[in-house]
C-alpha atoms as a PDB file:
ATOM      1  CA  MET A   1       6.321  -4.187  11.904  1.00  0.00           C
ATOM      2  CA  SER A   2       2.709  -3.008  11.941  1.00  0.00           C
ATOM      3  CA  GLY A   3       2.497  -4.211  15.543  1.00  0.00           C
ATOM      4  CA  LEU A   4       4.418  -1.102  16.611  1.00  0.00           C
ATOM      5  CA  HIS A   5       1.153   0.814  16.214  1.00  0.00           C
ATOM      6  CA  PRO A   6      -1.586  -1.449  17.593  1.00  0.00           C
ATOM      7  CA  PRO A   7      -5.063  -1.199  16.082  1.00  0.00           C
ATOM      8  CA  ARG A   8      -7.783   0.813  17.771  1.00  0.00           C
ATOM      9  CA  LYS A   9     -11.512   1.029  17.094  1.00  0.00           C
ATOM     10  CA  VAL A  10     -14.044   3.838  17.105  1.00  0.00           C
ATOM     11  CA  LEU A  11     -17.779   3.963  16.544  1.00  0.00           C
ATOM     12  CA  ALA A  12     -18.340   6.226  13.544  1.00  0.00           C
ATOM     13  CA  GLY A  13     -22.043   6.653  12.888  1.00  0.00           C
ATOM     14  CA  ARG A  14     -23.337   3.189  12.043  1.00  0.00           C
ATOM     15  CA  TYR A  15     -19.832   1.870  11.364  1.00  0.00           C
ATOM     16  CA  THR A  16     -17.080   0.541  13.570  1.00  0.00           C
ATOM     17  CA  ILE A  17     -13.799   1.705  12.063  1.00  0.00           C
ATOM     18  CA  GLY A  18     -10.385   0.335  12.918  1.00  0.00           C
ATOM     19  CA  TYR A  19      -7.356   2.578  12.755  1.00  0.00           C
ATOM     20  CA  ARG A  20      -3.814   3.183  13.962  1.00  0.00           C
ATOM     21  CA  GLU A  21      -2.589   6.487  15.336  1.00  0.00           C
ATOM     22  CA  ALA A  22       0.658   8.221  16.237  1.00  0.00           C
ATOM     23  CA  CYS A  23       1.123  11.712  17.665  1.00  0.00           C
ATOM     24  CA  ASP A  24       3.866  13.173  19.830  1.00  0.00           C
ATOM     25  CA  ILE A  25       2.466  16.697  20.239  1.00  0.00           C
ATOM     26  CA  ALA A  26      -1.098  17.583  21.224  1.00  0.00           C
ATOM     27  CA  GLY A  27      -2.869  19.958  18.881  1.00  0.00           C
ATOM     28  CA  SER A  28      -0.847  18.944  15.817  1.00  0.00           C
ATOM     29  CA  PRO A  29      -2.481  19.198  12.374  1.00  0.00           C
ATOM     30  CA  ALA A  30      -3.950  15.936  11.128  1.00  0.00           C
ATOM     31  CA  LEU A  31      -2.488  13.643   8.480  1.00  0.00           C
ATOM     32  CA  VAL A  32      -4.931  10.877   7.472  1.00  0.00           C
ATOM     33  CA  LEU A  33      -3.793   7.815   5.510  1.00  0.00           C
ATOM     34  CA  LEU A  34      -5.973   5.574   3.298  1.00  0.00           C
ATOM     35  CA  HIS A  35      -4.702   2.206   2.018  1.00  0.00           C
ATOM     36  CA  GLY A  36      -5.373   0.344  -1.236  1.00  0.00           C
ATOM     37  CA  ILE A  37      -7.477  -2.688  -2.117  1.00  0.00           C
ATOM     38  CA  GLY A  38      -4.898  -5.271  -1.082  1.00  0.00           C
ATOM     39  CA  SER A  39      -3.684  -3.667   2.108  1.00  0.00           C
ATOM     40  CA  ALA A  40      -4.680  -2.210   5.500  1.00  0.00           C
ATOM     41  CA  SER A  41      -3.717   0.390   8.079  1.00  0.00           C
ATOM     42  CA  GLY A  42      -0.645  -1.568   9.175  1.00  0.00           C
ATOM     43  CA  SER A  43       1.065  -0.885   5.855  1.00  0.00           C
ATOM     44  CA  TRP A  44       1.601   2.767   6.852  1.00  0.00           C
ATOM     45  CA  VAL A  45       4.071   2.034   9.659  1.00  0.00           C
ATOM     46  CA  HIS A  46       6.855   4.141   8.094  1.00  0.00           C
ATOM     47  CA  GLN A  47       4.554   7.165   7.819  1.00  0.00           C
ATOM     48  CA  LEU A  48       3.173   6.712  11.333  1.00  0.00           C
ATOM     49  CA  ASP A  49       6.756   6.714  12.595  1.00  0.00           C
ATOM     50  CA  ALA A  50       8.069   9.551  10.445  1.00  0.00           C
ATOM     51  CA  PHE A  51       5.316  12.145  10.878  1.00  0.00           C
ATOM     52  CA  ALA A  52       4.311  11.698  14.530  1.00  0.00           C
ATOM     53  CA  SER A  53       6.524  14.615  15.615  1.00  0.00           C
ATOM     54  CA  GLN A  54       4.690  17.034  13.288  1.00  0.00           C
ATOM     55  CA  PHE A  55       1.174  15.648  12.852  1.00  0.00           C
ATOM     56  CA  ARG A  56      -1.574  13.670  14.417  1.00  0.00           C
ATOM     57  CA  VAL A  57      -1.145  10.722  12.048  1.00  0.00           C
ATOM     58  CA  VAL A  58      -4.153   8.438  11.567  1.00  0.00           C
ATOM     59  CA  ALA A  59      -4.287   5.405   9.253  1.00  0.00           C
ATOM     60  CA  TRP A  60      -7.717   3.838   8.847  1.00  0.00           C
ATOM     61  CA  ASP A  61      -8.890   0.386   7.918  1.00  0.00           C
ATOM     62  CA  ALA A  62     -11.462   0.919   5.172  1.00  0.00           C
ATOM     63  CA  PRO A  63     -14.884  -0.683   5.768  1.00  0.00           C
ATOM     64  CA  GLY A  64     -14.521  -4.441   5.408  1.00  0.00           C
ATOM     65  CA  TYR A  65     -10.796  -4.328   6.248  1.00  0.00           C
ATOM     66  CA  GLY A  66      -8.917  -4.967   9.488  1.00  0.00           C
ATOM     67  CA  GLU A  67     -11.019  -4.005  12.490  1.00  0.00           C
ATOM     68  CA  SER A  68     -13.666  -2.207  10.411  1.00  0.00           C
ATOM     69  CA  THR A  69     -17.172  -3.451   9.771  1.00  0.00           C
ATOM     70  CA  PRO A  70     -18.212  -3.772   6.112  1.00  0.00           C
ATOM     71  CA  LEU A  71     -20.524  -1.392   4.316  1.00  0.00           C
ATOM     72  CA  GLU A  72     -24.188  -2.293   4.080  1.00  0.00           C
ATOM     73  CA  GLU A  73     -24.175  -2.193   0.275  1.00  0.00           C
ATOM     74  CA  SER A  74     -23.064  -5.362  -1.499  1.00  0.00           C
ATOM     75  CA  ALA A  75     -21.877  -3.301  -4.487  1.00  0.00           C
ATOM     76  CA  PRO A  76     -20.849   0.038  -2.971  1.00  0.00           C
ATOM     77  CA  VAL A  77     -19.644   3.087  -4.862  1.00  0.00           C
ATOM     78  CA  ALA A  78     -16.900   5.524  -3.896  1.00  0.00           C
ATOM     79  CA  ALA A  79     -19.447   7.847  -2.277  1.00  0.00           C
ATOM     80  CA  ASP A  80     -20.422   5.084   0.179  1.00  0.00           C
ATOM     81  CA  TYR A  81     -16.832   4.794   1.388  1.00  0.00           C
ATOM     82  CA  ALA A  82     -16.625   8.605   1.476  1.00  0.00           C
ATOM     83  CA  ARG A  83     -19.599   8.725   3.855  1.00  0.00           C
ATOM     84  CA  ALA A  84     -17.877   6.237   6.139  1.00  0.00           C
ATOM     85  CA  LEU A  85     -14.666   8.278   5.967  1.00  0.00           C
ATOM     86  CA  GLU A  86     -16.493  11.476   6.891  1.00  0.00           C
ATOM     87  CA  ALA A  87     -18.143   9.724   9.844  1.00  0.00           C
ATOM     88  CA  PHE A  88     -14.720   8.441  10.899  1.00  0.00           C
ATOM     89  CA  LEU A  89     -13.182  11.912  10.793  1.00  0.00           C
ATOM     90  CA  ASP A  90     -16.106  13.244  12.814  1.00  0.00           C
ATOM     91  CA  ALA A  91     -15.716  10.480  15.411  1.00  0.00           C
ATOM     92  CA  LEU A  92     -12.051  11.410  15.890  1.00  0.00           C
ATOM     93  CA  GLN A  93     -12.915  15.125  15.903  1.00  0.00           C
ATOM     94  CA  ILE A  94     -10.741  15.780  12.853  1.00  0.00           C
ATOM     95  CA  ARG A  95     -12.303  18.826  11.242  1.00  0.00           C
ATOM     96  CA  ARG A  96      -9.583  19.360   8.651  1.00  0.00           C
ATOM     97  CA  CYS A  97      -6.630  17.295   7.471  1.00  0.00           C
ATOM     98  CA  LEU A  98      -4.069  16.548   4.811  1.00  0.00           C
ATOM     99  CA  LEU A  99      -5.412  13.381   3.221  1.00  0.00           C
ATOM    100  CA  VAL A 100      -2.925  10.852   1.826  1.00  0.00           C
ATOM    101  CA  ALA A 101      -4.350   7.937  -0.142  1.00  0.00           C
ATOM    102  CA  GLN A 102      -2.846   5.093  -2.143  1.00  0.00           C
ATOM    103  CA  SER A 103      -4.382   3.212  -5.080  1.00  0.00           C
ATOM    104  CA  LEU A 104      -8.046   2.358  -4.307  1.00  0.00           C
ATOM    105  CA  GLY A 105      -7.938   4.727  -1.342  1.00  0.00           C
ATOM    106  CA  ALA A 106      -7.555   7.595  -3.811  1.00  0.00           C
ATOM    107  CA  LEU A 107     -11.078   6.932  -5.122  1.00  0.00           C
ATOM    108  CA  MET A 108     -12.469   7.235  -1.591  1.00  0.00           C
ATOM    109  CA  ALA A 109     -10.392  10.317  -0.807  1.00  0.00           C
ATOM    110  CA  THR A 110     -11.381  12.162  -3.965  1.00  0.00           C
ATOM    111  CA  ALA A 111     -15.060  11.311  -3.548  1.00  0.00           C
ATOM    112  CA  LEU A 112     -15.102  12.988  -0.133  1.00  0.00           C
ATOM    113  CA  ALA A 113     -12.900  15.891  -1.239  1.00  0.00           C
ATOM    114  CA  ALA A 114     -15.352  16.633  -4.052  1.00  0.00           C
ATOM    115  CA  LYS A 115     -18.251  16.588  -1.587  1.00  0.00           C
ATOM    116  CA  ALA A 116     -16.625  18.428   1.330  1.00  0.00           C
ATOM    117  CA  PRO A 117     -13.501  20.284   0.107  1.00  0.00           C
ATOM    118  CA  GLU A 118     -13.493  22.516   3.178  1.00  0.00           C
ATOM    119  CA  ARG A 119     -12.339  19.548   5.274  1.00  0.00           C
ATOM    120  CA  PHE A 120      -9.017  19.175   3.473  1.00  0.00           C
ATOM    121  CA  ASP A 121      -5.808  21.151   3.334  1.00  0.00           C
ATOM    122  CA  GLY A 122      -4.887  19.099   0.287  1.00  0.00           C
ATOM    123  CA  LEU A 123      -4.742  15.630  -1.228  1.00  0.00           C
ATOM    124  CA  ALA A 124      -1.623  13.516  -1.741  1.00  0.00           C
ATOM    125  CA  LEU A 125      -2.417  10.536  -3.957  1.00  0.00           C
ATOM    126  CA  ILE A 126       0.086   7.708  -4.349  1.00  0.00           C
ATOM    127  CA  SER A 127      -0.360   5.588  -7.491  1.00  0.00           C
ATOM    128  CA  PRO A 128      -4.077   6.441  -7.653  1.00  0.00           C
ATOM    129  CA  ALA A 129      -6.464   3.899  -9.154  1.00  0.00           C
ATOM    130  CA  ASN A 130      -8.969   5.589 -11.437  1.00  0.00           C
ATOM    131  CA  GLY A 131     -11.425   2.685 -11.559  1.00  0.00           C
ATOM    132  CA  TYR A 132     -13.117   1.178 -14.611  1.00  0.00           C
ATOM    133  CA  GLY A 133     -16.287   3.261 -14.643  1.00  0.00           C
ATOM    134  CA  ARG A 134     -15.521   4.601 -18.133  1.00  0.00           C
ATOM    135  CA  ALA A 135     -14.647   1.177 -19.561  1.00  0.00           C
ATOM    136  CA  THR A 136     -17.060  -0.967 -21.536  1.00  0.00           C
ATOM    137  CA  PRO A 137     -19.454  -3.159 -19.529  1.00  0.00           C
ATOM    138  CA  SER A 138     -17.631  -6.291 -20.676  1.00  0.00           C
ATOM    139  CA  GLU A 139     -14.239  -4.926 -19.622  1.00  0.00           C
ATOM    140  CA  ARG A 140     -15.605  -3.932 -16.219  1.00  0.00           C
ATOM    141  CA  ALA A 141     -17.090  -7.399 -15.773  1.00  0.00           C
ATOM    142  CA  ASP A 142     -13.818  -9.067 -16.784  1.00  0.00           C
ATOM    143  CA  LYS A 143     -11.741  -6.983 -14.354  1.00  0.00           C
ATOM    144  CA  LEU A 144     -14.146  -7.690 -11.497  1.00  0.00           C
ATOM    145  CA  HIS A 145     -14.335 -11.412 -12.244  1.00  0.00           C
ATOM    146  CA  ALA A 146     -10.540 -11.705 -12.301  1.00  0.00           C
ATOM    147  CA  ARG A 147     -10.206 -10.167  -8.831  1.00  0.00           C
ATOM    148  CA  LEU A 148     -13.031 -12.157  -7.267  1.00  0.00           C
ATOM    149  CA  ASP A 149     -11.871 -15.389  -8.870  1.00  0.00           C
ATOM    150  CA  ALA A 150      -8.305 -14.955  -7.613  1.00  0.00           C
ATOM    151  CA  MET A 151      -9.532 -14.489  -4.042  1.00  0.00           C
ATOM    152  CA  ASP A 152     -11.902 -17.471  -4.319  1.00  0.00           C
ATOM    153  CA  ARG A 153      -9.159 -19.754  -5.652  1.00  0.00           C
ATOM    154  CA  LEU A 154      -6.239 -18.644  -3.509  1.00  0.00           C
ATOM    155  CA  GLY A 155      -7.685 -17.192  -0.311  1.00  0.00           C
ATOM    156  CA  PRO A 156      -5.978 -14.248   1.411  1.00  0.00           C
ATOM    157  CA  ALA A 157      -2.725 -16.035   2.278  1.00  0.00           C
ATOM    158  CA  GLY A 158      -2.407 -17.575  -1.161  1.00  0.00           C
ATOM    159  CA  LEU A 159      -3.212 -14.267  -2.803  1.00  0.00           C
ATOM    160  CA  ALA A 160      -0.471 -12.613  -0.752  1.00  0.00           C
ATOM    161  CA  ASP A 161       2.043 -15.253  -1.795  1.00  0.00           C
ATOM    162  CA  ALA A 162       1.079 -14.884  -5.456  1.00  0.00           C
ATOM    163  CA  ARG A 163       0.546 -11.136  -5.758  1.00  0.00           C
ATOM    164  CA  ALA A 164       2.518  -9.237  -3.091  1.00  0.00           C
ATOM    165  CA  ALA A 165       5.618  -8.922  -5.257  1.00  0.00           C
ATOM    166  CA  ASN A 166       3.530  -7.342  -8.047  1.00  0.00           C
ATOM    167  CA  LEU A 167       3.143  -4.229  -5.872  1.00  0.00           C
ATOM    168  CA  LEU A 168       6.894  -3.685  -5.673  1.00  0.00           C
ATOM    169  CA  SER A 169       9.835  -3.313  -8.013  1.00  0.00           C
ATOM    170  CA  THR A 170      12.296  -6.138  -8.500  1.00  0.00           C
ATOM    171  CA  GLU A 171      14.759  -4.152  -6.363  1.00  0.00           C
ATOM    172  CA  ALA A 172      12.503  -3.965  -3.291  1.00  0.00           C
ATOM    173  CA  SER A 173      13.883  -5.140   0.029  1.00  0.00           C
ATOM    174  CA  SER A 174      12.776  -8.322   1.736  1.00  0.00           C
ATOM    175  CA  GLU A 175      11.376  -6.154   4.538  1.00  0.00           C
ATOM    176  CA  ALA A 176       9.145  -4.253   2.105  1.00  0.00           C
ATOM    177  CA  LEU A 177       7.894  -7.497   0.583  1.00  0.00           C
ATOM    178  CA  ALA A 178       7.177  -8.912   4.044  1.00  0.00           C
ATOM    179  CA  LEU A 179       5.133  -5.846   5.017  1.00  0.00           C
ATOM    180  CA  VAL A 180       3.066  -5.942   1.823  1.00  0.00           C
ATOM    181  CA  ARG A 181       2.517  -9.690   2.203  1.00  0.00           C
ATOM    182  CA  GLU A 182       1.598  -9.389   5.905  1.00  0.00           C
ATOM    183  CA  ASN A 183      -1.210  -6.928   5.193  1.00  0.00           C
ATOM    184  CA  MET A 184      -2.495  -8.707   2.084  1.00  0.00           C
ATOM    185  CA  ALA A 185      -2.669 -12.045   3.902  1.00  0.00           C
ATOM    186  CA  LYS A 186      -5.096 -10.530   6.425  1.00  0.00           C
ATOM    187  CA  LEU A 187      -7.691  -9.465   3.856  1.00  0.00           C
ATOM    188  CA  ASP A 188     -11.309 -10.342   4.525  1.00  0.00           C
ATOM    189  CA  PRO A 189     -12.721 -11.830   1.299  1.00  0.00           C
ATOM    190  CA  ALA A 190     -16.123 -10.155   1.767  1.00  0.00           C
ATOM    191  CA  GLY A 191     -14.609  -6.705   2.331  1.00  0.00           C
ATOM    192  CA  HIS A 192     -12.248  -7.227  -0.577  1.00  0.00           C
ATOM    193  CA  ALA A 193     -15.196  -8.161  -2.807  1.00  0.00           C
ATOM    194  CA  GLN A 194     -17.032  -4.960  -1.902  1.00  0.00           C
ATOM    195  CA  ALA A 195     -13.929  -2.916  -2.710  1.00  0.00           C
ATOM    196  CA  ALA A 196     -13.459  -4.772  -6.008  1.00  0.00           C
ATOM    197  CA  ARG A 197     -17.000  -3.890  -7.044  1.00  0.00           C
ATOM    198  CA  MET A 198     -16.389  -0.247  -6.187  1.00  0.00           C
ATOM    199  CA  LEU A 199     -13.193  -0.271  -8.251  1.00  0.00           C
ATOM    200  CA  ALA A 200     -14.981  -1.856 -11.198  1.00  0.00           C
ATOM    201  CA  GLY A 201     -17.556   0.935 -11.345  1.00  0.00           C
ATOM    202  CA  GLY A 202     -15.463   3.859 -10.131  1.00  0.00           C
ATOM    203  CA  SER A 203     -14.139   6.883 -12.016  1.00  0.00           C
ATOM    204  CA  LEU A 204     -11.823   9.041  -9.931  1.00  0.00           C
ATOM    205  CA  VAL A 205     -11.397  11.643 -12.666  1.00  0.00           C
ATOM    206  CA  ASP A 206     -15.099  12.512 -12.506  1.00  0.00           C
ATOM    207  CA  ASP A 207     -14.806  13.444  -8.820  1.00  0.00           C
ATOM    208  CA  ALA A 208     -11.427  15.124  -9.402  1.00  0.00           C
ATOM    209  CA  ALA A 209     -13.085  17.664 -11.685  1.00  0.00           C
ATOM    210  CA  ARG A 210     -15.145  18.848  -8.689  1.00  0.00           C
ATOM    211  CA  TYR A 211     -12.194  19.388  -6.310  1.00  0.00           C
ATOM    212  CA  ALA A 212     -10.211  22.598  -6.739  1.00  0.00           C
ATOM    213  CA  GLY A 213      -7.795  22.172  -3.837  1.00  0.00           C
ATOM    214  CA  PRO A 214      -4.061  21.440  -4.113  1.00  0.00           C
ATOM    215  CA  THR A 215      -3.311  17.865  -5.127  1.00  0.00           C
ATOM    216  CA  LEU A 216       0.002  16.018  -5.226  1.00  0.00           C
ATOM    217  CA  VAL A 217       0.142  12.804  -7.296  1.00  0.00           C
ATOM    218  CA  LEU A 218       3.093  10.419  -6.934  1.00  0.00           C
ATOM    219  CA  CYS A 219       3.822   7.323  -9.003  1.00  0.00           C
ATOM    220  CA  GLY A 220       6.777   4.942  -9.009  1.00  0.00           C
ATOM    221  CA  THR A 221       8.510   4.437 -12.317  1.00  0.00           C
ATOM    222  CA  ALA A 222       8.316   0.647 -11.811  1.00  0.00           C
ATOM    223  CA  ASP A 223       4.577   0.675 -11.062  1.00  0.00           C
ATOM    224  CA  ARG A 224       2.963  -2.174 -13.025  1.00  0.00           C
ATOM    225  CA  VAL A 225      -0.510  -1.684 -11.549  1.00  0.00           C
ATOM    226  CA  THR A 226      -1.169   2.007 -12.219  1.00  0.00           C
ATOM    227  CA  PRO A 227       1.677   2.993 -14.577  1.00  0.00           C
ATOM    228  CA  LEU A 228       3.077   6.491 -14.955  1.00  0.00           C
ATOM    229  CA  ALA A 229       0.872   7.471 -17.892  1.00  0.00           C
ATOM    230  CA  ALA A 230      -2.301   6.417 -16.067  1.00  0.00           C
ATOM    231  CA  CYS A 231      -1.313   8.310 -12.913  1.00  0.00           C
ATOM    232  CA  GLU A 232      -0.446  11.432 -14.900  1.00  0.00           C
ATOM    233  CA  THR A 233      -3.872  11.300 -16.556  1.00  0.00           C
ATOM    234  CA  VAL A 234      -5.454  11.202 -13.090  1.00  0.00           C
ATOM    235  CA  ALA A 235      -3.283  14.108 -11.934  1.00  0.00           C
ATOM    236  CA  MET A 236      -4.327  16.262 -14.886  1.00  0.00           C
ATOM    237  CA  ALA A 237      -7.991  15.878 -13.930  1.00  0.00           C
ATOM    238  CA  PHE A 238      -7.333  18.068 -10.864  1.00  0.00           C
ATOM    239  CA  ALA A 239      -7.341  21.835 -11.355  1.00  0.00           C
ATOM    240  CA  ASP A 240      -4.406  22.419  -8.973  1.00  0.00           C
ATOM    241  CA  HIS A 241      -2.115  19.436  -9.390  1.00  0.00           C
ATOM    242  CA  THR A 242       1.533  18.500  -9.130  1.00  0.00           C
ATOM    243  CA  PHE A 243       2.655  15.199 -10.638  1.00  0.00           C
ATOM    244  CA  VAL A 244       5.937  13.654  -9.498  1.00  0.00           C
ATOM    245  CA  PRO A 245       7.401  10.411 -10.907  1.00  0.00           C
ATOM    246  CA  LEU A 246       9.376   8.481  -8.296  1.00  0.00           C
ATOM    247  CA  PRO A 247      12.523   6.874  -9.681  1.00  0.00           C
ATOM    248  CA  GLY A 248      12.644   3.200  -8.796  1.00  0.00           C
ATOM    249  CA  PRO A 249       9.707   1.916  -6.753  1.00  0.00           C
ATOM    250  CA  GLY A 250       6.588   0.051  -7.761  1.00  0.00           C
ATOM    251  CA  HIS A 251       2.934   0.468  -6.845  1.00  0.00           C
ATOM    252  CA  ALA A 252       3.389   0.409  -3.048  1.00  0.00           C
ATOM    253  CA  SER A 253       6.083   3.091  -3.123  1.00  0.00           C
ATOM    254  CA  TYR A 254       5.255   4.306   0.392  1.00  0.00           C
ATOM    255  CA  VAL A 255       6.331   0.867   1.629  1.00  0.00           C
ATOM    256  CA  GLU A 256       9.245   0.338  -0.764  1.00  0.00           C
ATOM    257  CA  SER A 257      10.728   3.867  -0.730  1.00  0.00           C
ATOM    258  CA  PRO A 258       9.334   5.504   2.423  1.00  0.00           C
ATOM    259  CA  VAL A 259      12.135   8.056   2.820  1.00  0.00           C
ATOM    260  CA  LEU A 260      11.518   9.475  -0.649  1.00  0.00           C
ATOM    261  CA  VAL A 261       7.731   9.417  -0.350  1.00  0.00           C
ATOM    262  CA  ASN A 262       7.805  10.946   3.132  1.00  0.00           C
ATOM    263  CA  GLU A 263      10.118  13.711   1.962  1.00  0.00           C
ATOM    264  CA  LEU A 264       7.710  14.666  -0.826  1.00  0.00           C
ATOM    265  CA  ILE A 265       4.678  14.553   1.462  1.00  0.00           C
ATOM    266  CA  GLY A 266       6.588  16.710   3.958  1.00  0.00           C
ATOM    267  CA  GLN A 267       7.461  19.240   1.254  1.00  0.00           C
ATOM    268  CA  PHE A 268       3.825  19.342   0.176  1.00  0.00           C
ATOM    269  CA  ALA A 269       2.691  19.875   3.769  1.00  0.00           C
ATOM    270  CA  HIS A 270       5.240  22.688   4.138  1.00  0.00           C
ATOM    271  CA  ARG A 271       3.929  24.341   0.971  1.00  0.00           C
ATOM    272  CA  LEU A 272       0.446  24.176   2.461  1.00  0.00           C
ATOM    273  CA  GLY A 273       1.696  25.887   5.638  1.00  0.00           C
ATOM    274  CA  LEU A 274       1.131  22.863   7.863  1.00  0.00           C
ATOM    275  CA  CYS A 275       4.697  22.481   9.145  1.00  0.00           C
END
């Protein structure tokens, strides 16, 4: 399915960033999509399709994912990904956008929003991962080791076979499972390791306290990765937040329940005066 929007590449500062894009009308406002730790730009096919008539829709591959070169830091922090994201937006001449980010992507999105809030009409965070920066050192080390060990033992394809279903509810369609598995199976172990280290040390709520813009937080009621209570805690760290539980889907709700997620993003964009 992700082949409907073939990958492109752009030189963004010292990075090469891969991305997918859809736009039916020149001059449309921008909608930028950031994936999670086990995914890539191709997972956003339903959003690329649905919003192309209203927005310039751009889904990036984070550094170390898809067509994108990795970061220079072996143990990057959210701010390092935020710098790459800002360079990417500059390269595509996107001065302002509605930023939609899922899971790990929410850490990157919030880090840049805290640094450069003038670039964003708002944030829409789907099952945001807060990171383990406020956990004990031993807990952080355990979480990181578990992720790195799973990739070392299973490899990307094996990891996809073992873990893809964990991102969905038990009621998810076979098509949703196939799309999650397709993107997870293409992970680059080195890029995944960098992202895992960022997650282990990250704390989204610290950056959230420095962003005053409108923020929508969505979380599926069957999310086993970032459950409702955790996502609501993240939402409450933003000064101007709306938290919406999604009845039914799991962690990758934008894949499992795209009609519902797209409707809520569209309503948010309308409230912001973008459509």
